Amino acid sequence: MKTKTKRDAEKVHSAVGFVARLRRLADALEAGQPFSIQVAGERVTVPALAIFSIEHERNTVGEELEFQLKWKRKPKSRPDIVPIQTKDRERSKHEKGNESEQEKHSQWRPARVEADSF
């Protein structure tokens, strides 16, 4: 299996290019679909269940606003290792009707970012 190397890539875009990418991202998120984008020569696919956050940084020189999408890659070498949430979802599919109302709503869900919440 090919190991992915660490990287930290950044590319400056025109306002038109940036807006076009944001629009494609927003469309994918609204549809519950993964989002793919080419970044510095590498194709990156963001899964639909990524975690979304907005980060603001300030120092003496300037400020930075980052819209972040975070996710973990599944280990390809160990398909028998499944996250607990996935096992719980499988269990609940087979035990329908036997779970409390709280258990039905306790499954992990991705964060939603409201336009005016930051």
N, C-alpha and C. Protein backbone atom coordinates (compact mmCIF):
# COMPACT_ATOMS: atom_id res chain seq x y z
N MET A 1 0.84 -1.18 0.00
CA MET A 1 0.00 0.00 0.00
C MET A 1 0.88 1.25 0.00
N LYS A 2 0.55 2.20 -0.84
CA LYS A 2 1.31 3.44 -0.92
C LYS A 2 0.95 4.34 0.26
N THR A 3 1.97 4.81 0.98
CA THR A 3 1.76 5.68 2.13
C THR A 3 1.68 7.12 1.66
N LYS A 4 0.68 7.84 2.16
CA LYS A 4 0.55 9.26 1.82
C LYS A 4 1.53 10.05 2.68
N THR A 5 2.26 10.95 2.02
CA THR A 5 3.22 11.77 2.74
C THR A 5 2.52 13.02 3.29
N LYS A 6 3.11 13.58 4.33
CA LYS A 6 2.58 14.82 4.89
C LYS A 6 2.75 15.93 3.86
N ARG A 7 1.81 16.86 3.87
CA ARG A 7 1.95 18.00 2.98
C ARG A 7 1.12 19.16 3.50
N ASP A 8 1.50 20.35 3.09
CA ASP A 8 0.79 21.57 3.46
C ASP A 8 0.85 22.47 2.23
N ALA A 9 -0.17 22.39 1.38
CA ALA A 9 -0.18 23.13 0.13
C ALA A 9 -1.20 24.26 0.19
N GLU A 10 -0.86 25.34 -0.44
CA GLU A 10 -1.75 26.50 -0.50
C GLU A 10 -1.59 27.14 -1.86
N LYS A 11 -2.72 27.56 -2.46
CA LYS A 11 -2.67 28.23 -3.75
C LYS A 11 -3.59 29.43 -3.71
N VAL A 12 -3.12 30.54 -4.21
CA VAL A 12 -3.91 31.77 -4.27
C VAL A 12 -4.74 31.73 -5.55
N HIS A 13 -6.02 32.09 -5.44
CA HIS A 13 -6.93 32.11 -6.58
C HIS A 13 -7.51 33.51 -6.75
N SER A 14 -7.97 33.80 -7.96
CA SER A 14 -8.71 35.03 -8.20
C SER A 14 -10.07 34.92 -7.49
N ALA A 15 -10.74 36.03 -7.31
CA ALA A 15 -12.07 36.00 -6.67
C ALA A 15 -13.02 35.11 -7.47
N VAL A 16 -12.99 35.21 -8.79
CA VAL A 16 -13.88 34.40 -9.64
C VAL A 16 -13.59 32.91 -9.46
N GLY A 17 -12.31 32.52 -9.47
CA GLY A 17 -11.93 31.11 -9.29
C GLY A 17 -12.29 30.59 -7.92
N PHE A 18 -12.07 31.41 -6.90
CA PHE A 18 -12.38 31.02 -5.52
C PHE A 18 -13.88 30.81 -5.35
N VAL A 19 -14.68 31.73 -5.88
CA VAL A 19 -16.14 31.63 -5.78
C VAL A 19 -16.64 30.38 -6.51
N ALA A 20 -16.08 30.08 -7.67
CA ALA A 20 -16.49 28.89 -8.42
C ALA A 20 -16.23 27.62 -7.61
N ARG A 21 -15.09 27.54 -6.94
CA ARG A 21 -14.78 26.37 -6.12
C ARG A 21 -15.69 26.29 -4.91
N LEU A 22 -15.94 27.41 -4.27
CA LEU A 22 -16.86 27.43 -3.12
C LEU A 22 -18.26 26.99 -3.54
N ARG A 23 -18.68 27.43 -4.72
CA ARG A 23 -20.02 27.07 -5.21
C ARG A 23 -20.11 25.56 -5.45
N ARG A 24 -19.07 24.97 -6.05
CA ARG A 24 -19.07 23.52 -6.26
C ARG A 24 -19.08 22.78 -4.92
N LEU A 25 -18.31 23.27 -3.95
CA LEU A 25 -18.28 22.68 -2.62
C LEU A 25 -19.66 22.75 -1.97
N ALA A 26 -20.28 23.92 -2.02
CA ALA A 26 -21.61 24.11 -1.41
C ALA A 26 -22.63 23.18 -2.06
N ASP A 27 -22.59 23.05 -3.37
CA ASP A 27 -23.53 22.15 -4.07
C ASP A 27 -23.34 20.71 -3.62
N ALA A 28 -22.08 20.27 -3.48
CA ALA A 28 -21.81 18.90 -3.05
C ALA A 28 -22.29 18.68 -1.61
N LEU A 29 -22.02 19.63 -0.72
CA LEU A 29 -22.44 19.51 0.68
C LEU A 29 -23.96 19.44 0.79
N GLU A 30 -24.65 20.31 0.06
CA GLU A 30 -26.11 20.31 0.11
C GLU A 30 -26.71 19.01 -0.41
N ALA A 31 -26.04 18.39 -1.37
CA ALA A 31 -26.51 17.13 -1.94
C ALA A 31 -26.06 15.92 -1.13
N GLY A 32 -25.24 16.14 -0.10
CA GLY A 32 -24.72 15.03 0.70
C GLY A 32 -23.73 14.17 -0.06
N GLN A 33 -23.02 14.78 -1.01
CA GLN A 33 -22.08 14.06 -1.86
C GLN A 33 -20.65 14.43 -1.51
N PRO A 34 -19.68 13.56 -1.82
CA PRO A 34 -18.28 13.93 -1.63
C PRO A 34 -17.90 15.03 -2.62
N PHE A 35 -16.83 15.74 -2.28
CA PHE A 35 -16.34 16.85 -3.11
C PHE A 35 -14.91 16.56 -3.51
N SER A 36 -14.61 16.63 -4.80
CA SER A 36 -13.24 16.41 -5.28
C SER A 36 -12.69 17.69 -5.87
N ILE A 37 -11.40 17.92 -5.61
CA ILE A 37 -10.72 19.12 -6.10
C ILE A 37 -9.25 18.79 -6.31
N GLN A 38 -8.65 19.42 -7.31
CA GLN A 38 -7.22 19.27 -7.58
C GLN A 38 -6.48 20.37 -6.82
N VAL A 39 -5.56 19.97 -5.94
CA VAL A 39 -4.79 20.94 -5.15
C VAL A 39 -3.30 20.66 -5.36
N ALA A 40 -2.60 21.62 -5.94
CA ALA A 40 -1.16 21.51 -6.17
C ALA A 40 -0.78 20.16 -6.80
N GLY A 41 -1.54 19.77 -7.84
CA GLY A 41 -1.22 18.56 -8.59
C GLY A 41 -1.73 17.26 -8.00
N GLU A 42 -2.47 17.31 -6.91
CA GLU A 42 -3.01 16.09 -6.30
C GLU A 42 -4.52 16.19 -6.17
N ARG A 43 -5.21 15.13 -6.59
CA ARG A 43 -6.67 15.06 -6.48
C ARG A 43 -7.02 14.72 -5.04
N VAL A 44 -7.87 15.55 -4.44
CA VAL A 44 -8.30 15.37 -3.05
C VAL A 44 -9.81 15.21 -3.05
N THR A 45 -10.31 14.17 -2.38
CA THR A 45 -11.74 13.96 -2.27
C THR A 45 -12.15 14.09 -0.81
N VAL A 46 -13.05 15.02 -0.56
CA VAL A 46 -13.58 15.26 0.78
C VAL A 46 -14.86 14.45 0.92
N PRO A 47 -14.93 13.54 1.91
CA PRO A 47 -16.16 12.75 2.06
C PRO A 47 -17.33 13.62 2.52
N ALA A 48 -18.53 13.16 2.23
CA ALA A 48 -19.73 13.91 2.59
C ALA A 48 -19.85 14.09 4.10
N LEU A 49 -19.28 13.20 4.90
CA LEU A 49 -19.39 13.28 6.36
C LEU A 49 -18.19 13.95 7.01
N ALA A 50 -17.52 14.81 6.29
CA ALA A 50 -16.40 15.57 6.87
C ALA A 50 -16.92 16.50 7.96
N ILE A 51 -16.02 16.97 8.80
CA ILE A 51 -16.37 17.93 9.85
C ILE A 51 -15.98 19.31 9.35
N PHE A 52 -16.89 20.26 9.48
CA PHE A 52 -16.69 21.60 8.94
C PHE A 52 -16.44 22.58 10.08
N SER A 53 -15.48 23.47 9.88
CA SER A 53 -15.23 24.49 10.90
C SER A 53 -14.74 25.78 10.23
N ILE A 54 -14.88 26.87 10.96
CA ILE A 54 -14.38 28.16 10.50
C ILE A 54 -13.40 28.64 11.55
N GLU A 55 -12.21 29.00 11.11
CA GLU A 55 -11.15 29.41 12.03
C GLU A 55 -10.71 30.83 11.71
N HIS A 56 -10.57 31.65 12.74
CA HIS A 56 -10.09 33.02 12.57
C HIS A 56 -8.82 33.18 13.39
N GLU A 57 -7.78 33.69 12.76
CA GLU A 57 -6.51 33.92 13.43
C GLU A 57 -6.12 35.39 13.27
N ARG A 58 -5.51 35.93 14.31
CA ARG A 58 -5.05 37.32 14.27
C ARG A 58 -3.68 37.39 14.94
N ASN A 59 -2.78 38.15 14.33
CA ASN A 59 -1.50 38.43 14.97
C ASN A 59 -1.18 39.90 14.74
N THR A 60 0.02 40.32 15.05
CA THR A 60 0.36 41.74 14.94
C THR A 60 0.46 42.21 13.50
N VAL A 61 0.62 41.29 12.56
CA VAL A 61 0.80 41.64 11.15
C VAL A 61 -0.51 41.63 10.36
N GLY A 62 -1.40 40.69 10.65
CA GLY A 62 -2.63 40.58 9.88
C GLY A 62 -3.59 39.56 10.45
N GLU A 63 -4.59 39.21 9.65
CA GLU A 63 -5.62 38.26 10.07
C GLU A 63 -5.83 37.20 9.00
N GLU A 64 -6.42 36.08 9.40
CA GLU A 64 -6.65 34.98 8.49
C GLU A 64 -7.98 34.32 8.84
N LEU A 65 -8.76 34.00 7.83
CA LEU A 65 -10.03 33.29 8.00
C LEU A 65 -9.95 32.02 7.17
N GLU A 66 -10.13 30.87 7.82
CA GLU A 66 -10.03 29.59 7.13
C GLU A 66 -11.34 28.83 7.25
N PHE A 67 -11.84 28.34 6.12
CA PHE A 67 -12.96 27.43 6.11
C PHE A 67 -12.34 26.04 6.02
N GLN A 68 -12.49 25.23 7.06
CA GLN A 68 -11.80 23.95 7.12
C GLN A 68 -12.77 22.78 7.02
N LEU A 69 -12.31 21.75 6.33
CA LEU A 69 -13.04 20.49 6.23
C LEU A 69 -12.07 19.42 6.70
N LYS A 70 -12.43 18.64 7.70
CA LYS A 70 -11.52 17.63 8.26
C LYS A 70 -12.19 16.26 8.22
N TRP A 71 -11.35 15.24 7.98
CA TRP A 71 -11.82 13.86 7.97
C TRP A 71 -10.64 12.95 8.18
N LYS A 72 -10.93 11.71 8.52
CA LYS A 72 -9.87 10.71 8.68
C LYS A 72 -9.99 9.69 7.56
N ARG A 73 -8.83 9.24 7.07
CA ARG A 73 -8.82 8.21 6.05
C ARG A 73 -9.05 6.86 6.70
N LYS A 74 -9.73 5.97 5.98
CA LYS A 74 -9.94 4.61 6.47
C LYS A 74 -8.67 3.81 6.22
N PRO A 75 -8.25 3.01 7.20
CA PRO A 75 -7.05 2.18 6.98
C PRO A 75 -7.36 1.06 6.00
N LYS A 76 -6.68 1.06 4.85
CA LYS A 76 -6.94 0.05 3.82
C LYS A 76 -6.35 -1.30 4.19
N SER A 77 -5.32 -1.31 5.02
CA SER A 77 -4.66 -2.56 5.35
C SER A 77 -5.43 -3.38 6.38
N ARG A 78 -6.39 -2.78 7.09
CA ARG A 78 -7.14 -3.48 8.13
C ARG A 78 -8.65 -3.27 7.95
N PRO A 79 -9.26 -3.91 6.94
CA PRO A 79 -10.69 -3.71 6.73
C PRO A 79 -11.56 -4.25 7.87
N ASP A 80 -10.95 -5.08 8.75
CA ASP A 80 -11.71 -5.61 9.88
C ASP A 80 -11.86 -4.58 11.00
N ILE A 81 -11.12 -3.46 10.93
CA ILE A 81 -11.23 -2.41 11.94
C ILE A 81 -12.28 -1.42 11.45
N VAL A 82 -13.35 -1.32 12.21
CA VAL A 82 -14.46 -0.45 11.83
C VAL A 82 -14.71 0.52 12.98
N PRO A 83 -14.90 1.80 12.70
CA PRO A 83 -15.18 2.75 13.77
C PRO A 83 -16.40 2.34 14.57
N ILE A 84 -16.42 2.66 15.85
CA ILE A 84 -17.52 2.29 16.74
C ILE A 84 -18.85 2.79 16.20
N GLN A 85 -18.88 4.02 15.68
CA GLN A 85 -20.13 4.58 15.18
C GLN A 85 -20.72 3.69 14.09
N THR A 86 -19.87 3.17 13.20
CA THR A 86 -20.36 2.32 12.12
C THR A 86 -20.94 1.03 12.69
N LYS A 87 -20.27 0.43 13.67
CA LYS A 87 -20.81 -0.78 14.29
C LYS A 87 -22.15 -0.49 14.95
N ASP A 88 -22.26 0.66 15.63
CA ASP A 88 -23.52 1.03 16.27
C ASP A 88 -24.63 1.21 15.25
N ARG A 89 -24.31 1.80 14.11
CA ARG A 89 -25.32 1.98 13.07
C ARG A 89 -25.79 0.64 12.54
N GLU A 90 -24.84 -0.30 12.34
CA GLU A 90 -25.21 -1.64 11.86
C GLU A 90 -26.08 -2.34 12.89
N ARG A 91 -25.72 -2.22 14.18
CA ARG A 91 -26.51 -2.84 15.22
C ARG A 91 -27.92 -2.30 15.21
N SER A 92 -28.05 -0.97 15.09
CA SER A 92 -29.37 -0.36 15.17
C SER A 92 -30.22 -0.73 13.96
N LYS A 93 -29.60 -1.03 12.81
CA LYS A 93 -30.37 -1.47 11.65
C LYS A 93 -31.04 -2.81 11.94
N HIS A 94 -30.35 -3.69 12.68
CA HIS A 94 -30.87 -5.02 12.96
C HIS A 94 -31.78 -5.06 14.17
N GLU A 95 -31.71 -4.05 15.00
CA GLU A 95 -32.51 -4.02 16.23
C GLU A 95 -33.55 -2.91 16.19
N LYS A 96 -34.11 -2.65 15.03
CA LYS A 96 -35.10 -1.58 14.90
C LYS A 96 -36.24 -1.81 15.87
N GLY A 97 -36.66 -0.74 16.49
CA GLY A 97 -37.77 -0.83 17.42
C GLY A 97 -37.35 -1.16 18.84
N ASN A 98 -36.13 -1.62 19.06
CA ASN A 98 -35.66 -2.00 20.39
C ASN A 98 -34.77 -0.94 21.02
N GLU A 99 -34.67 0.22 20.40
CA GLU A 99 -33.80 1.26 20.94
C GLU A 99 -34.63 2.42 21.46
N SER A 100 -34.09 3.10 22.44
CA SER A 100 -34.78 4.25 23.02
C SER A 100 -34.72 5.42 22.05
N GLU A 101 -35.55 6.42 22.27
CA GLU A 101 -35.56 7.62 21.43
C GLU A 101 -34.21 8.32 21.49
N GLN A 102 -33.57 8.33 22.67
CA GLN A 102 -32.26 8.96 22.81
C GLN A 102 -31.21 8.22 21.98
N GLU A 103 -31.24 6.89 21.98
CA GLU A 103 -30.28 6.12 21.20
C GLU A 103 -30.44 6.38 19.71
N LYS A 104 -31.67 6.56 19.25
CA LYS A 104 -31.91 6.82 17.83
C LYS A 104 -31.23 8.10 17.37
N HIS A 105 -31.15 9.09 18.26
CA HIS A 105 -30.61 10.39 17.88
C HIS A 105 -29.18 10.61 18.37
N SER A 106 -28.53 9.60 18.94
CA SER A 106 -27.19 9.79 19.49
C SER A 106 -26.09 9.46 18.49
N GLN A 107 -26.43 9.00 17.28
CA GLN A 107 -25.40 8.69 16.30
C GLN A 107 -24.71 9.96 15.87
N TRP A 108 -23.42 9.84 15.58
CA TRP A 108 -22.62 10.99 15.17
C TRP A 108 -23.18 11.57 13.89
N ARG A 109 -23.25 12.88 13.83
CA ARG A 109 -23.69 13.57 12.62
C ARG A 109 -22.69 14.70 12.33
N PRO A 110 -22.48 15.02 11.04
CA PRO A 110 -21.54 16.09 10.73
C PRO A 110 -22.06 17.45 11.19
N ALA A 111 -21.14 18.33 11.49
CA ALA A 111 -21.50 19.69 11.90
C ALA A 111 -22.07 20.44 10.70
N ARG A 112 -23.02 21.31 10.94
CA ARG A 112 -23.58 22.15 9.88
C ARG A 112 -23.14 23.58 10.15
N VAL A 113 -22.69 24.23 9.13
CA VAL A 113 -22.24 25.62 9.28
C VAL A 113 -23.31 26.54 8.73
N GLU A 114 -23.85 27.39 9.58
CA GLU A 114 -24.83 28.37 9.15
C GLU A 114 -24.08 29.60 8.64
N ALA A 115 -24.62 30.24 7.64
CA ALA A 115 -23.94 31.35 6.98
C ALA A 115 -23.63 32.50 7.95
N ASP A 116 -24.50 32.76 8.92
CA ASP A 116 -24.29 33.90 9.80
C ASP A 116 -23.89 33.48 11.22
N SER A 117 -23.41 32.27 11.40
CA SER A 117 -23.13 31.80 12.75
C SER A 117 -21.73 32.13 13.23
N PHE A 118 -20.90 32.71 12.39
CA PHE A 118 -19.53 32.99 12.80
C PHE A 118 -19.28 34.46 12.87
